[in-house]
Amino acid sequence: MQLARKSVTSDPFVIYGFYDMLEKEMDRLNIKDRPECIYNLDETGFPMDPSKSKTIGSKGEKQFKGRLQPQDK
């Protein structure tokens, strides 16, 4: 996987293609001049296997206040 990621991220056509798509999407959403609407995220907080996450909440309630990830135990 590291080798595939390195070959993709070092290919200028892939990089420029990503930024072209990003610019088109920002134009479509009309957020180019609205930095308060742009967020930077990575996959750190997203479980790769959603079945491993646990929900915290009161018994019998349908809404919950947060999730406990395996790294939070």
Foldseek 3Di string as FASTA:
>chain_A
DVVVVVVQVVDVVNVVVVVVVVVVVCVVVVCPVPVVPDDDDDCPPPDPDVVQKAFDDDPPDPDGDDIAHPVND
